[in-house]
Amino acid sequence: MRKFVNHIDHVAWISRPENLEANVAKLEVLADAKLERFVREDMGFIMYVNWEAGLEIVSPTAEPTEFNKALRDRLETHGEGVTAVVYGVRDLEERRARLESLGYPTGPLMDDHADSPWHHKLVLRERIAGEYLGSWFVLGDIDYADGVIPLKDTRAAD
């Protein structure tokens, strides 16, 4: 398994449901990357993601849930845009304890389970560490399955 440590894991945008498909289509063109659709009815959100590229767009579903209340509130207060930068850490609980000892409270654990539609690609554990310059700074302890985040030559081919 691979993971990003002390490095940005991915960026997440939030979209209004009525704009989701158009926003996904535009990001796919801009990044030249295909995003995969996942729905978590139990939590009340739709997510398009390309784990390999570190891109995510999330939107609440129509049915209100405890989880998507935060997404709905975020759209109401901030509108669409970058909602979170997920920063990879080696040990989520160790980083949580350190931040809280310095007076920075963290949010509840958001973790993955075997029924998650992306579980074959990664195991995810995250905590919001607070707001930073208009978006959430999220700590991510994310273990990617072999081959999801391939080592590749990033030198420009053009």
C-alpha atoms as a PDB file:
ATOM      1  CA  MET A   1       0.000   0.000   0.000  1.00  0.00           C
ATOM      2  CA  ARG A   2       1.048   3.565  -0.661  1.00  0.00           C
ATOM      3  CA  LYS A   3       0.110   6.791   1.070  1.00  0.00           C
ATOM      4  CA  PHE A   4       0.899  10.458   0.901  1.00  0.00           C
ATOM      5  CA  VAL A   5       2.656  11.651   4.057  1.00  0.00           C
ATOM      6  CA  ASN A   6       3.271  15.346   4.746  1.00  0.00           C
ATOM      7  CA  HIS A   7       1.983  16.039   1.254  1.00  0.00           C
ATOM      8  CA  ILE A   8      -1.350  17.043  -0.259  1.00  0.00           C
ATOM      9  CA  ASP A   9      -3.369  13.900  -0.922  1.00  0.00           C
ATOM     10  CA  HIS A  10      -6.210  15.495  -2.874  1.00  0.00           C
ATOM     11  CA  VAL A  11      -8.322  18.611  -3.344  1.00  0.00           C
ATOM     12  CA  ALA A  12     -12.099  18.529  -2.948  1.00  0.00           C
ATOM     13  CA  TRP A  13     -14.577  20.931  -4.473  1.00  0.00           C
ATOM     14  CA  ILE A  14     -18.221  21.196  -3.471  1.00  0.00           C
ATOM     15  CA  SER A  15     -20.971  21.569  -6.040  1.00  0.00           C
ATOM     16  CA  ARG A  16     -24.638  22.341  -5.906  1.00  0.00           C
ATOM     17  CA  PRO A  17     -26.587  19.255  -7.041  1.00  0.00           C
ATOM     18  CA  GLU A  18     -28.038  21.033 -10.069  1.00  0.00           C
ATOM     19  CA  ASN A  19     -24.533  21.967 -11.304  1.00  0.00           C
ATOM     20  CA  LEU A  20     -22.749  18.726 -10.457  1.00  0.00           C
ATOM     21  CA  GLU A  21     -22.662  17.104 -13.897  1.00  0.00           C
ATOM     22  CA  ALA A  22     -21.514  20.323 -15.632  1.00  0.00           C
ATOM     23  CA  ASN A  23     -18.837  20.911 -12.973  1.00  0.00           C
ATOM     24  CA  VAL A  24     -17.557  17.347 -13.355  1.00  0.00           C
ATOM     25  CA  ALA A  25     -17.453  17.644 -17.140  1.00  0.00           C
ATOM     26  CA  LYS A  26     -15.449  20.881 -16.971  1.00  0.00           C
ATOM     27  CA  LEU A  27     -12.935  19.522 -14.431  1.00  0.00           C
ATOM     28  CA  GLU A  28     -12.445  16.413 -16.580  1.00  0.00           C
ATOM     29  CA  VAL A  29     -11.572  18.624 -19.552  1.00  0.00           C
ATOM     30  CA  LEU A  30      -9.330  20.969 -17.545  1.00  0.00           C
ATOM     31  CA  ALA A  31      -7.405  18.132 -15.879  1.00  0.00           C
ATOM     32  CA  ASP A  32      -7.615  15.663 -18.766  1.00  0.00           C
ATOM     33  CA  ALA A  33      -8.736  13.086 -16.203  1.00  0.00           C
ATOM     34  CA  LYS A  34     -11.859  10.917 -15.925  1.00  0.00           C
ATOM     35  CA  LEU A  35     -13.678  11.126 -12.572  1.00  0.00           C
ATOM     36  CA  GLU A  36     -15.509   8.087 -11.214  1.00  0.00           C
ATOM     37  CA  ARG A  37     -18.985   8.487  -9.678  1.00  0.00           C
ATOM     38  CA  PHE A  38     -19.713   7.100  -6.211  1.00  0.00           C
ATOM     39  CA  VAL A  39     -22.941   7.444  -4.250  1.00  0.00           C
ATOM     40  CA  ARG A  40     -23.204   7.026  -0.483  1.00  0.00           C
ATOM     41  CA  GLU A  41     -26.971   7.006   0.113  1.00  0.00           C
ATOM     42  CA  ASP A  42     -26.389   6.195   3.799  1.00  0.00           C
ATOM     43  CA  MET A  43     -24.407   9.418   4.248  1.00  0.00           C
ATOM     44  CA  GLY A  44     -26.285  11.481   1.667  1.00  0.00           C
ATOM     45  CA  PHE A  45     -23.671  12.476  -0.860  1.00  0.00           C
ATOM     46  CA  ILE A  46     -22.513  11.926  -4.410  1.00  0.00           C
ATOM     47  CA  MET A  47     -18.814  12.074  -5.078  1.00  0.00           C
ATOM     48  CA  TYR A  48     -16.889  12.145  -8.321  1.00  0.00           C
ATOM     49  CA  VAL A  49     -13.239  11.345  -7.811  1.00  0.00           C
ATOM     50  CA  ASN A  50     -10.045  10.440  -9.551  1.00  0.00           C
ATOM     51  CA  TRP A  51      -7.807   9.105  -6.781  1.00  0.00           C
ATOM     52  CA  GLU A  52      -4.846   8.859  -9.148  1.00  0.00           C
ATOM     53  CA  ALA A  53      -5.041  12.573  -9.977  1.00  0.00           C
ATOM     54  CA  GLY A  54      -6.061  13.750  -6.498  1.00  0.00           C
ATOM     55  CA  LEU A  55      -9.320  15.369  -7.640  1.00  0.00           C
ATOM     56  CA  GLU A  56     -12.743  15.192  -5.988  1.00  0.00           C
ATOM     57  CA  ILE A  57     -16.097  16.914  -6.379  1.00  0.00           C
ATOM     58  CA  VAL A  58     -18.770  16.262  -3.754  1.00  0.00           C
ATOM     59  CA  SER A  59     -22.436  17.209  -3.610  1.00  0.00           C
ATOM     60  CA  PRO A  60     -25.211  16.463  -1.117  1.00  0.00           C
ATOM     61  CA  THR A  61     -28.075  14.250  -2.249  1.00  0.00           C
ATOM     62  CA  ALA A  62     -31.669  15.466  -2.120  1.00  0.00           C
ATOM     63  CA  GLU A  63     -32.506  13.532   1.055  1.00  0.00           C
ATOM     64  CA  PRO A  64     -31.174  15.342   4.163  1.00  0.00           C
ATOM     65  CA  THR A  65     -28.885  13.287   6.413  1.00  0.00           C
ATOM     66  CA  GLU A  66     -26.809  14.033   9.467  1.00  0.00           C
ATOM     67  CA  PHE A  67     -23.641  13.872   7.348  1.00  0.00           C
ATOM     68  CA  ASN A  68     -24.791  15.969   4.395  1.00  0.00           C
ATOM     69  CA  LYS A  69     -26.021  18.739   6.694  1.00  0.00           C
ATOM     70  CA  ALA A  70     -22.420  19.981   6.819  1.00  0.00           C
ATOM     71  CA  LEU A  71     -22.260  19.936   3.012  1.00  0.00           C
ATOM     72  CA  ARG A  72     -25.560  21.790   2.731  1.00  0.00           C
ATOM     73  CA  ASP A  73     -24.444  24.354   5.311  1.00  0.00           C
ATOM     74  CA  ARG A  74     -21.135  24.786   3.464  1.00  0.00           C
ATOM     75  CA  LEU A  75     -22.922  25.490   0.184  1.00  0.00           C
ATOM     76  CA  GLU A  76     -25.196  27.966   1.934  1.00  0.00           C
ATOM     77  CA  THR A  77     -22.342  29.898   3.588  1.00  0.00           C
ATOM     78  CA  HIS A  78     -19.550  29.586   1.006  1.00  0.00           C
ATOM     79  CA  GLY A  79     -21.175  28.562  -2.268  1.00  0.00           C
ATOM     80  CA  GLU A  80     -19.442  26.283  -4.732  1.00  0.00           C
ATOM     81  CA  GLY A  81     -15.672  26.003  -4.834  1.00  0.00           C
ATOM     82  CA  VAL A  82     -12.738  24.405  -3.099  1.00  0.00           C
ATOM     83  CA  THR A  83     -14.127  23.052   0.130  1.00  0.00           C
ATOM     84  CA  ALA A  84     -11.194  21.023   1.409  1.00  0.00           C
ATOM     85  CA  VAL A  85      -7.545  20.271   0.964  1.00  0.00           C
ATOM     86  CA  VAL A  86      -6.743  16.806   2.278  1.00  0.00           C
ATOM     87  CA  TYR A  87      -3.224  16.591   3.685  1.00  0.00           C
ATOM     88  CA  GLY A  88      -1.703  13.150   4.107  1.00  0.00           C
ATOM     89  CA  VAL A  89      -0.364  12.112   7.508  1.00  0.00           C
ATOM     90  CA  ARG A  90       1.323   8.920   8.677  1.00  0.00           C
ATOM     91  CA  ASP A  91      -0.731   8.531  11.857  1.00  0.00           C
ATOM     92  CA  LEU A  92      -4.040  10.373  12.094  1.00  0.00           C
ATOM     93  CA  GLU A  93      -4.515   9.971  15.833  1.00  0.00           C
ATOM     94  CA  GLU A  94      -0.971  11.071  16.613  1.00  0.00           C
ATOM     95  CA  ARG A  95      -1.450  14.225  14.506  1.00  0.00           C
ATOM     96  CA  ARG A  96      -4.872  14.838  16.097  1.00  0.00           C
ATOM     97  CA  ALA A  97      -3.391  14.617  19.596  1.00  0.00           C
ATOM     98  CA  ARG A  98      -0.546  16.971  18.676  1.00  0.00           C
ATOM     99  CA  LEU A  99      -2.868  19.596  17.186  1.00  0.00           C
ATOM    100  CA  GLU A 100      -5.274  19.412  20.112  1.00  0.00           C
ATOM    101  CA  SER A 101      -2.371  19.807  22.564  1.00  0.00           C
ATOM    102  CA  LEU A 102      -1.574  23.048  20.734  1.00  0.00           C
ATOM    103  CA  GLY A 103      -5.165  24.263  21.049  1.00  0.00           C
ATOM    104  CA  TYR A 104      -6.459  23.255  17.610  1.00  0.00           C
ATOM    105  CA  PRO A 105      -9.570  21.080  17.986  1.00  0.00           C
ATOM    106  CA  THR A 106     -10.228  18.515  15.267  1.00  0.00           C
ATOM    107  CA  GLY A 107     -13.479  17.144  13.923  1.00  0.00           C
ATOM    108  CA  PRO A 108     -14.904  13.664  14.286  1.00  0.00           C
ATOM    109  CA  LEU A 109     -13.329  10.688  12.576  1.00  0.00           C
ATOM    110  CA  MET A 110     -14.613  10.082   9.058  1.00  0.00           C
ATOM    111  CA  ASP A 111     -13.621   6.586   8.178  1.00  0.00           C
ATOM    112  CA  ASP A 112     -14.125   4.067   5.501  1.00  0.00           C
ATOM    113  CA  HIS A 113     -15.781   0.700   5.785  1.00  0.00           C
ATOM    114  CA  ALA A 114     -15.740  -2.428   3.663  1.00  0.00           C
ATOM    115  CA  ASP A 115     -19.071  -1.468   2.032  1.00  0.00           C
ATOM    116  CA  SER A 116     -17.727   1.834   0.703  1.00  0.00           C
ATOM    117  CA  PRO A 117     -17.880   1.774  -3.092  1.00  0.00           C
ATOM    118  CA  TRP A 118     -14.212   2.766  -3.390  1.00  0.00           C
ATOM    119  CA  HIS A 119     -12.910   0.335  -0.761  1.00  0.00           C
ATOM    120  CA  HIS A 120     -11.204  -1.797  -3.427  1.00  0.00           C
ATOM    121  CA  LYS A 121      -8.917   1.179  -4.146  1.00  0.00           C
ATOM    122  CA  LEU A 122      -8.181   2.584  -0.698  1.00  0.00           C
ATOM    123  CA  VAL A 123      -8.841   2.659   3.015  1.00  0.00           C
ATOM    124  CA  LEU A 124      -9.668   6.157   4.149  1.00  0.00           C
ATOM    125  CA  ARG A 125      -9.587   7.858   7.562  1.00  0.00           C
ATOM    126  CA  GLU A 126      -9.948  11.628   7.792  1.00  0.00           C
ATOM    127  CA  ARG A 127     -10.524  14.409  10.332  1.00  0.00           C
ATOM    128  CA  ILE A 128     -11.223  18.071   9.684  1.00  0.00           C
ATOM    129  CA  ALA A 129      -8.467  20.007  11.412  1.00  0.00           C
ATOM    130  CA  GLY A 130     -10.233  23.328  10.986  1.00  0.00           C
ATOM    131  CA  GLU A 131     -10.808  26.047   8.473  1.00  0.00           C
ATOM    132  CA  TYR A 132      -7.818  27.607   6.790  1.00  0.00           C
ATOM    133  CA  LEU A 133      -8.085  30.552   4.390  1.00  0.00           C
ATOM    134  CA  GLY A 134     -11.631  29.752   3.354  1.00  0.00           C
ATOM    135  CA  SER A 135     -11.519  25.960   3.047  1.00  0.00           C
ATOM    136  CA  TRP A 136     -11.349  23.001   5.378  1.00  0.00           C
ATOM    137  CA  PHE A 137      -7.884  21.624   6.141  1.00  0.00           C
ATOM    138  CA  VAL A 138      -8.450  17.891   6.415  1.00  0.00           C
ATOM    139  CA  LEU A 139      -5.971  15.369   7.789  1.00  0.00           C
ATOM    140  CA  GLY A 140      -5.992  12.183   5.733  1.00  0.00           C
ATOM    141  CA  ASP A 141      -4.564   8.814   6.718  1.00  0.00           C
ATOM    142  CA  ILE A 142      -5.291   7.121   3.397  1.00  0.00           C
ATOM    143  CA  ASP A 143      -3.809   3.798   2.334  1.00  0.00           C
ATOM    144  CA  TYR A 144      -4.021   3.208  -1.411  1.00  0.00           C
ATOM    145  CA  ALA A 145      -4.042  -0.272  -2.901  1.00  0.00           C
ATOM    146  CA  ASP A 146      -1.037  -1.158  -5.034  1.00  0.00           C
ATOM    147  CA  GLY A 147      -1.284   0.370  -8.492  1.00  0.00           C
ATOM    148  CA  VAL A 148      -3.779   3.116  -7.627  1.00  0.00           C
ATOM    149  CA  ILE A 149      -1.085   5.749  -7.158  1.00  0.00           C
ATOM    150  CA  PRO A 150       1.547   4.563  -9.610  1.00  0.00           C
ATOM    151  CA  LEU A 151       5.054   5.886  -9.696  1.00  0.00           C
ATOM    152  CA  LYS A 152       5.333   7.645 -13.005  1.00  0.00           C
ATOM    153  CA  ASP A 153       7.564  10.030 -14.823  1.00  0.00           C
ATOM    154  CA  THR A 154       6.119  13.498 -14.208  1.00  0.00           C
ATOM    155  CA  ARG A 155       8.471  15.342 -16.559  1.00  0.00           C
ATOM    156  CA  ALA A 156       6.657  17.290 -19.245  1.00  0.00           C
ATOM    157  CA  ALA A 157       6.148  15.303 -22.429  1.00  0.00           C
ATOM    158  CA  ASP A 158       5.345  18.365 -24.529  1.00  0.00           C
END
